[in-house]
Every structure is written in C-alpha cells, then in structure tokens.
C-alpha cells in the first residue's frame, strides 16, 4: 500500500499531464478531467496505478487493503455479493478505510471495549455487518431488507450503512465519512411520501422536523434515512438504537448539533459523532503491542486522501 512515506509531497500538474505520485518515479500520464477513468492512458506503467490530478486508484482493490488473509478475503468476497457499489481501489476511499480500521478492531477483539469506552455501547457477541452483509446470516441482513421494503421506493437500491453492529441490547448504525460531507439531498422528491408514511408514520415518532426541512433544506437526507430505518428496526427488536457519524476530526465539528435539532432522542435512541483520530488514539493508549497494532498505527500515520488543487499531498488524519 502506498502511504506518505512512499508518495511525493507535491506532484506536477499541467494542462495536459499529471506525474506519477510515487517517489522517484518520472512517469507522466495524460491528465484526467471530470469523471475518473481507469484507462491505459491514465496509468503509470511502473506502479500499476491510475492517476488523476487529485487522487489515484490501484489496479486491484486488494492493494488498498491491509487485512487480506484467507478469512478476510473470504469475507470480502461474500460482502461483494450484496454491497451495492464499491470504490475500494481508490486512495481516498472511505470504504477501504472502514474495512481496514474496523476489520482490525473486529479481528483483535477491540471493538467492544472501544464502543463501551467512547459511547457506552456494549457489543459483546455482536453481529458485525459490513455494508448490509450479515456474517451471522451469511447474506443480506434481513432486518435491513425489511426496512428498505417498508420505507423506500426502490429497496434493491436502498440505504446501506457502512457498518451495522447488532448485539443483545443495542443496535448501532455507523455512517463513515472520509472526504465527503454529510450534505446530501434526494434526487427524486417522490421518495418523500413513503419515508414519512411507512412504518405507520414512524417519521412522526422519531423526527421533530418534516422531510423537506431535514432532507432538502438542511441537506441531511442520508443521515435522516439511517435514523428512520435504524430506529424502526431497533424498536421492532426491542433494542437501543445508536446512529454514529464517523468523521475526520477537522470536519463537521457541529454535525451533532446540526442533526439533533431535527430528531427525537430519548433513553432508547441517540445520535453521536465519533472521529477516526479518536479511534487511533484509543488504539495507541489502550491496545497492547502486537504486529497488527503496529500495522494499524502505521496505517493511520501514513494514510493519504490524494492531492489538493495545488498538487500538494493531503494526509488523511491529524497527527496524534
């Protein structure tokens, strides 16, 4: 995997070309514009990556993964059967970061202590559901499928949290962000009726605001869907519900206030903001030395999210 220690601090970008970001590489490729394309003219022949002015993409998505033993590959293959879309090969992929971080937390049995410490969520004996794939059910999580059918016009293309954690008392939806913001709107307003009337008007039970105010005016459409579907599932299962928005520490510091004004919370339902850096800091301070821990710390210190418009390399996370 290419990280800070392998990449140039700055790349040359001209009207027609972009240089390979790998250190000591003199290759230049044709400059991409608008939509990212995986075409030979944009590929560095030495390092097997497709290049644009702002980012790069590996030819094989596994080059962007740090956990790829047989059990990891088996799980990734199973996830790919239900995951709606994937950009895991892209350097700035939030899906790749989600896998690399949470697969470590799962493999090394750290996730329970982390969530209990940070959010008072107890996740012992949990089903860790990556992008709707339930490991316990070996397929699309049936409760999410039912919620999609209840609330969404096109269930097959419905809401897909990055991570769902289900345990004996709690249900958590985790929506992870890396470079993108929580500013989303519906592209089709016809979706409104089913969202607000589904589940016997469940919207009224969990929102203070109407659909237009939260999903359109305040551009919190994605979070509102997860809050609606997740709280409905949790209510049916008799569980506490937590919607967790995972961001970089320097982004959307006010998201908790911005979203909470629209929702009804109580002792059974809560919204929280968590940062990638707080997960890293927890690992640094609370996890015993091991090979996996060292790999994970290297990852946090070296992870990049492409280049800015001046060709300067961007680190993903603030220093510890």
Protein backbone atom coordinates (compact mmCIF):
# COMPACT_ATOMS: atom_id res chain seq x y z
CA UNK A 1 0.00 0.00 0.00
CA UNK A 2 1.22 3.49 -0.89
CA UNK A 3 1.29 5.94 2.01
CA UNK A 4 3.02 9.17 2.97
CA UNK A 5 6.44 7.56 3.14
CA UNK A 6 6.14 6.31 -0.45
CA UNK A 7 4.49 9.33 -2.09
CA UNK A 8 5.77 12.69 -3.30
CA UNK A 9 4.90 15.68 -1.16
CA UNK A 10 3.93 17.52 -4.32
CA UNK A 11 3.18 16.49 -7.90
CA UNK A 12 3.39 18.46 -11.11
CA UNK A 13 0.04 19.09 -12.78
CA UNK A 14 -0.14 20.78 -16.17
CA UNK A 15 -2.96 21.37 -18.60
CA UNK A 16 -2.16 18.09 -20.33
CA UNK A 17 -0.27 15.85 -17.90
CA UNK A 18 -0.04 14.63 -14.30
CA UNK A 19 3.06 13.00 -12.90
CA UNK A 20 3.03 9.72 -11.00
CA UNK A 21 2.77 10.40 -7.25
CA UNK A 22 5.21 7.64 -6.26
CA UNK A 23 8.60 8.90 -5.11
CA UNK A 24 11.47 8.71 -7.62
CA UNK A 25 9.08 7.96 -10.48
CA UNK A 26 9.41 10.20 -13.54
CA UNK A 27 6.41 8.85 -15.41
CA UNK A 28 3.70 11.27 -16.54
CA UNK A 29 0.23 10.38 -17.80
CA UNK A 30 -2.46 12.21 -19.68
CA UNK A 31 -4.48 14.48 -17.41
CA UNK A 32 -7.94 13.24 -16.48
CA UNK A 33 -10.88 15.63 -16.30
CA UNK A 34 -14.29 15.33 -14.73
CA UNK A 35 -15.09 11.61 -14.34
CA UNK A 36 -12.32 9.32 -13.10
CA UNK A 37 -11.50 6.69 -15.73
CA UNK A 38 -9.43 3.52 -15.48
CA UNK A 39 -7.85 3.69 -18.93
CA UNK A 40 -4.33 2.83 -20.06
CA UNK A 41 -3.53 6.44 -20.98
CA UNK A 42 -4.00 7.41 -17.32
CA UNK A 43 -2.00 4.51 -15.88
CA UNK A 44 1.58 4.59 -14.61
CA UNK A 45 3.26 1.59 -16.28
CA UNK A 46 5.74 1.21 -13.43
CA UNK A 47 3.40 1.28 -10.44
CA UNK A 48 0.15 -0.06 -11.88
CA UNK A 49 -1.99 2.83 -10.65
CA UNK A 50 -4.47 5.06 -12.47
CA UNK A 51 -3.77 8.73 -11.83
CA UNK A 52 -5.79 11.93 -11.77
CA UNK A 53 -4.80 15.42 -10.53
CA UNK A 54 -6.45 14.74 -7.17
CA UNK A 55 -6.07 11.04 -6.45
CA UNK A 56 -5.05 7.64 -7.76
CA UNK A 57 -6.57 4.18 -7.95
CA UNK A 58 -4.96 0.77 -7.68
CA UNK A 59 -5.49 -1.73 -10.50
CA UNK A 60 -6.54 -4.26 -7.86
CA UNK A 61 -8.56 -3.11 -4.85
CA UNK A 62 -6.69 -5.57 -2.62
CA UNK A 63 -3.62 -3.34 -2.92
CA UNK A 64 -5.61 -0.85 -0.81
CA UNK A 65 -6.39 -3.41 1.89
CA UNK A 66 -4.16 -4.22 4.85
CA UNK A 67 -6.10 -7.26 6.06
CA UNK A 68 -6.19 -9.93 3.39
CA UNK A 69 -5.58 -13.32 4.90
CA UNK A 70 -7.84 -16.11 3.73
CA UNK A 71 -10.63 -15.36 6.20
CA UNK A 72 -10.51 -11.67 5.25
CA UNK A 73 -10.64 -12.43 1.53
CA UNK A 74 -13.49 -14.87 2.04
CA UNK A 75 -15.47 -12.22 3.92
CA UNK A 76 -14.72 -9.54 1.32
CA UNK A 77 -15.92 -11.86 -1.43
CA UNK A 78 -19.14 -12.53 0.47
CA UNK A 79 -19.67 -8.81 1.11
CA UNK A 80 -19.24 -8.09 -2.59
CA UNK A 81 -22.30 -10.24 -3.32
CA UNK A 82 -24.61 -7.78 -1.52
CA UNK A 83 -22.73 -4.46 -1.45
CA UNK A 84 -24.38 -2.06 -3.86
CA UNK A 85 -21.25 -0.26 -5.08
CA UNK A 86 -17.56 -0.22 -4.34
CA UNK A 87 -14.68 2.18 -4.86
CA UNK A 88 -12.30 0.33 -2.58
CA UNK A 89 -9.40 0.68 -5.00
CA UNK A 90 -9.36 4.48 -4.77
CA UNK A 91 -6.76 6.08 -2.49
CA UNK A 92 -9.40 8.30 -0.88
CA UNK A 93 -11.99 5.52 -0.50
CA UNK A 94 -13.93 5.71 2.76
CA UNK A 95 -14.96 2.08 2.20
CA UNK A 96 -11.33 0.97 2.20
CA UNK A 97 -10.60 2.91 5.40
CA UNK A 98 -13.74 1.48 7.03
CA UNK A 99 -12.62 -2.07 6.21
CA UNK A 100 -9.02 -1.54 7.28
CA UNK A 101 -9.91 0.02 10.63
CA UNK A 102 -12.96 -1.98 11.67
CA UNK A 103 -11.66 -5.30 10.47
CA UNK A 104 -8.68 -4.74 12.78
CA UNK A 105 -10.98 -3.86 15.67
CA UNK A 106 -13.01 -6.98 14.99
CA UNK A 107 -10.09 -9.37 14.45
CA UNK A 108 -8.27 -8.23 17.57
CA UNK A 109 -11.44 -8.15 19.73
CA UNK A 110 -11.10 -4.43 20.45
CA UNK A 111 -14.41 -3.13 19.11
CA UNK A 112 -16.42 -3.88 22.24
CA UNK A 113 -14.03 -2.02 24.56
CA UNK A 114 -13.77 0.91 22.16
CA UNK A 115 -17.52 1.46 21.83
CA UNK A 116 -18.10 0.93 25.55
CA UNK A 117 -15.37 3.46 26.37
CA UNK A 118 -16.39 6.07 23.81
CA UNK A 119 -20.17 5.67 23.51
CA UNK A 120 -21.28 3.38 26.37
CA UNK A 121 -22.40 0.72 23.89
CA UNK A 122 -21.90 -2.91 24.90
CA UNK A 123 -21.30 -5.07 21.84
CA UNK A 124 -20.35 -8.49 23.17
CA UNK A 125 -21.36 -11.36 20.87
CA UNK A 126 -22.22 -8.88 18.16
CA UNK A 127 -23.04 -9.48 14.53
CA UNK A 128 -20.68 -7.15 12.66
CA UNK A 129 -22.47 -6.24 9.44
CA UNK A 130 -20.35 -4.65 6.73
CA UNK A 131 -22.43 -2.80 4.09
CA UNK A 132 -25.56 -4.87 4.77
CA UNK A 133 -23.77 -8.27 4.78
CA UNK A 134 -24.60 -10.18 7.96
CA UNK A 135 -21.94 -12.66 8.98
CA UNK A 136 -24.43 -14.47 11.21
CA UNK A 137 -26.98 -14.83 8.40
CA UNK A 138 -24.36 -15.24 5.64
CA UNK A 139 -26.18 -12.79 3.41
CA UNK A 140 -28.11 -9.54 3.24
CA UNK A 141 -29.24 -8.67 6.76
CA UNK A 142 -32.94 -9.46 6.71
CA UNK A 143 -33.96 -6.64 9.06
CA UNK A 144 -32.41 -4.06 6.74
CA UNK A 145 -34.12 -5.68 3.76
CA UNK A 146 -37.48 -5.41 5.55
CA UNK A 147 -36.85 -1.75 6.44
CA UNK A 148 -35.95 -0.92 2.85
CA UNK A 149 -39.19 -2.52 1.67
CA UNK A 150 -41.18 -0.62 4.28
CA UNK A 151 -39.76 2.85 3.61
CA UNK A 152 -38.01 3.03 0.24
CA UNK A 153 -39.32 3.22 -3.33
CA UNK A 154 -36.50 1.09 -4.75
CA UNK A 155 -35.49 -1.34 -1.99
CA UNK A 156 -32.83 -3.01 -4.14
CA UNK A 157 -31.01 0.33 -4.29
CA UNK A 158 -31.90 1.33 -0.75
CA UNK A 159 -29.99 2.72 2.20
CA UNK A 160 -26.76 0.93 3.10
CA UNK A 161 -24.95 1.92 6.31
CA UNK A 162 -21.20 1.37 6.20
CA UNK A 163 -21.37 -0.73 9.34
CA UNK A 164 -24.15 -2.18 11.46
CA UNK A 165 -23.46 -3.68 14.86
CA UNK A 166 -26.21 -5.74 16.43
CA UNK A 167 -25.94 -7.26 19.88
CA UNK A 168 -28.20 -8.31 22.72
CA UNK A 169 -29.21 -4.82 23.89
CA UNK A 170 -28.02 -2.37 21.26
CA UNK A 171 -28.18 -1.70 17.54
CA UNK A 172 -25.69 0.74 16.05
CA UNK A 173 -25.56 2.15 12.54
CA UNK A 174 -22.20 3.69 11.65
CA UNK A 175 -22.02 6.08 8.72
CA UNK A 176 -18.38 6.75 7.89
CA UNK A 177 -17.06 9.82 6.09
CA UNK A 178 -13.55 10.48 4.88
CA UNK A 179 -13.51 13.31 2.36
CA UNK A 180 -17.25 13.58 1.71
CA UNK A 181 -19.56 15.62 3.92
CA UNK A 182 -23.00 14.81 5.31
CA UNK A 183 -24.60 17.19 2.83
CA UNK A 184 -26.95 15.12 0.73
CA UNK A 185 -30.36 15.72 -0.82
CA UNK A 186 -32.86 13.44 -2.57
CA UNK A 187 -32.62 13.50 -6.35
CA UNK A 188 -36.25 12.45 -6.59
CA UNK A 189 -38.81 14.08 -4.30
CA UNK A 190 -41.23 11.23 -4.95
CA UNK A 191 -39.43 9.32 -2.19
CA UNK A 192 -40.87 11.60 0.48
CA UNK A 193 -44.31 10.02 0.83
CA UNK A 194 -43.11 6.51 1.58
CA UNK A 195 -40.49 7.73 4.05
CA UNK A 196 -42.98 9.77 6.06
CA UNK A 197 -45.90 7.30 5.93
CA UNK A 198 -44.02 4.00 6.18
CA UNK A 199 -43.97 2.05 9.43
CA UNK A 200 -47.38 3.53 10.35
CA UNK A 201 -45.98 7.06 10.12
CA UNK A 202 -42.83 6.18 12.06
CA UNK A 203 -41.33 9.50 10.90
CA UNK A 204 -43.55 11.34 13.40
CA UNK A 205 -42.18 9.23 16.23
CA UNK A 206 -38.52 9.97 15.62
CA UNK A 207 -38.35 13.40 13.91
CA UNK A 208 -39.09 16.91 15.08
CA UNK A 209 -38.77 18.32 11.55
CA UNK A 210 -40.65 17.50 8.38
CA UNK A 211 -38.97 15.77 5.47
CA UNK A 212 -38.27 18.92 3.48
CA UNK A 213 -36.59 20.74 6.37
CA UNK A 214 -34.17 17.98 7.29
CA UNK A 215 -33.57 16.22 3.96
CA UNK A 216 -33.72 19.10 1.50
CA UNK A 217 -33.20 22.45 3.19
CA UNK A 218 -30.57 21.23 5.68
CA UNK A 219 -29.20 18.56 3.32
CA UNK A 220 -29.21 15.73 5.87
CA UNK A 221 -31.01 13.25 3.64
CA UNK A 222 -28.61 10.35 4.17
CA UNK A 223 -28.46 10.70 7.95
CA UNK A 224 -32.25 11.07 8.11
CA UNK A 225 -32.71 7.77 6.25
CA UNK A 226 -30.39 5.93 8.61
CA UNK A 227 -32.09 7.45 11.64
CA UNK A 228 -35.52 6.45 10.31
CA UNK A 229 -34.70 2.90 9.26
CA UNK A 230 -32.38 2.12 12.14
CA UNK A 231 -34.71 3.35 14.87
CA UNK A 232 -37.61 1.42 13.32
CA UNK A 233 -35.61 -1.80 13.25
CA UNK A 234 -34.43 -1.29 16.83
CA UNK A 235 -37.97 -0.63 18.05
CA UNK A 236 -39.21 -3.84 16.49
CA UNK A 237 -36.34 -5.80 18.04
CA UNK A 238 -36.61 -4.15 21.46
CA UNK A 239 -33.09 -2.68 21.23
CA UNK A 240 -31.48 0.65 21.98
CA UNK A 241 -30.53 2.47 18.79
CA UNK A 242 -27.36 4.49 18.12
CA UNK A 243 -26.63 6.35 14.90
CA UNK A 244 -22.91 7.11 14.82
CA UNK A 245 -21.43 9.55 12.33
CA UNK A 246 -17.72 8.82 11.89
CA UNK A 247 -15.71 11.75 10.51
CA UNK A 248 -12.21 13.14 10.46
CA UNK A 249 -11.61 15.36 13.47
CA UNK A 250 -11.25 18.54 11.41
CA UNK A 251 -14.52 18.07 9.56
CA UNK A 252 -18.13 18.80 10.52
CA UNK A 253 -17.45 19.51 14.16
CA UNK A 254 -21.00 20.82 14.53
CA UNK A 255 -22.79 17.84 12.95
CA UNK A 256 -24.21 16.67 16.28
CA UNK A 257 -25.93 19.98 16.93
CA UNK A 258 -26.96 20.34 13.29
CA UNK A 259 -28.69 16.97 13.14
CA UNK A 260 -30.02 16.63 16.68
CA UNK A 261 -32.29 19.65 16.24
CA UNK A 262 -34.29 17.56 13.75
CA UNK A 263 -34.66 14.30 15.68
CA UNK A 264 -36.38 12.98 18.78
CA UNK A 265 -33.95 11.30 21.13
CA UNK A 266 -34.61 9.53 24.39
CA UNK A 267 -33.05 6.84 26.57
CA UNK A 268 -33.57 4.36 23.72
CA UNK A 269 -32.33 6.45 20.77
CA UNK A 270 -29.17 8.55 20.42
CA UNK A 271 -27.01 10.23 17.78
CA UNK A 272 -23.25 10.58 18.23
CA UNK A 273 -20.21 11.89 16.37
CA UNK A 274 -17.02 9.82 16.51
CA UNK A 275 -13.72 10.64 14.82
CA UNK A 276 -11.18 8.45 13.12
CA UNK A 277 -8.48 10.12 15.18
CA UNK A 278 -10.22 9.17 18.44
CA UNK A 279 -10.16 5.53 17.33
CA UNK A 280 -6.44 5.84 16.57
CA UNK A 281 -5.79 7.44 19.94
CA UNK A 282 -7.69 4.67 21.69
CA UNK A 283 -5.54 2.07 19.93
CA UNK A 284 -2.38 3.94 20.87
CA UNK A 285 -3.27 4.19 24.55
CA UNK A 286 -5.20 1.02 25.26
CA UNK A 287 -4.12 -1.76 22.92
CA UNK A 288 -1.15 -3.95 23.79
CA UNK A 289 1.79 -4.14 21.40
CA UNK A 290 1.33 -6.63 18.58
CA UNK A 291 2.09 -6.92 14.90
CA UNK A 292 -1.48 -5.96 13.99
CA UNK A 293 -1.35 -2.91 16.25
CA UNK A 294 1.86 -1.71 14.60
CA UNK A 295 0.35 -2.17 11.15
CA UNK A 296 -2.71 -0.19 12.22
CA UNK A 297 -0.68 2.68 13.67
CA UNK A 298 1.44 2.79 10.50
CA UNK A 299 -1.77 3.00 8.51
CA UNK A 300 -3.14 5.95 10.46
CA UNK A 301 0.17 7.82 10.22
CA UNK A 302 0.65 7.19 6.51
CA UNK A 303 -2.88 7.26 5.10
CA UNK A 304 -3.43 9.88 2.42
CA UNK A 305 -6.50 11.28 0.68
CA UNK A 306 -4.98 12.45 -2.56
CA UNK A 307 -3.68 15.86 -3.63
CA UNK A 308 -5.12 19.34 -3.38
CA UNK A 309 -5.59 21.65 -6.37
CA UNK A 310 -2.01 22.86 -5.98
CA UNK A 311 -0.64 19.34 -6.22
CA UNK A 312 0.18 19.08 -2.50
CA UNK A 313 -0.23 15.73 -0.77
CA UNK A 314 -3.05 15.56 1.79
CA UNK A 315 -2.76 13.44 4.91
CA UNK A 316 -5.97 11.76 5.96
CA UNK A 317 -5.64 12.27 9.70
CA UNK A 318 -4.29 14.89 12.07
CA UNK A 319 -1.14 13.98 13.99
CA UNK A 320 -1.58 12.37 17.38
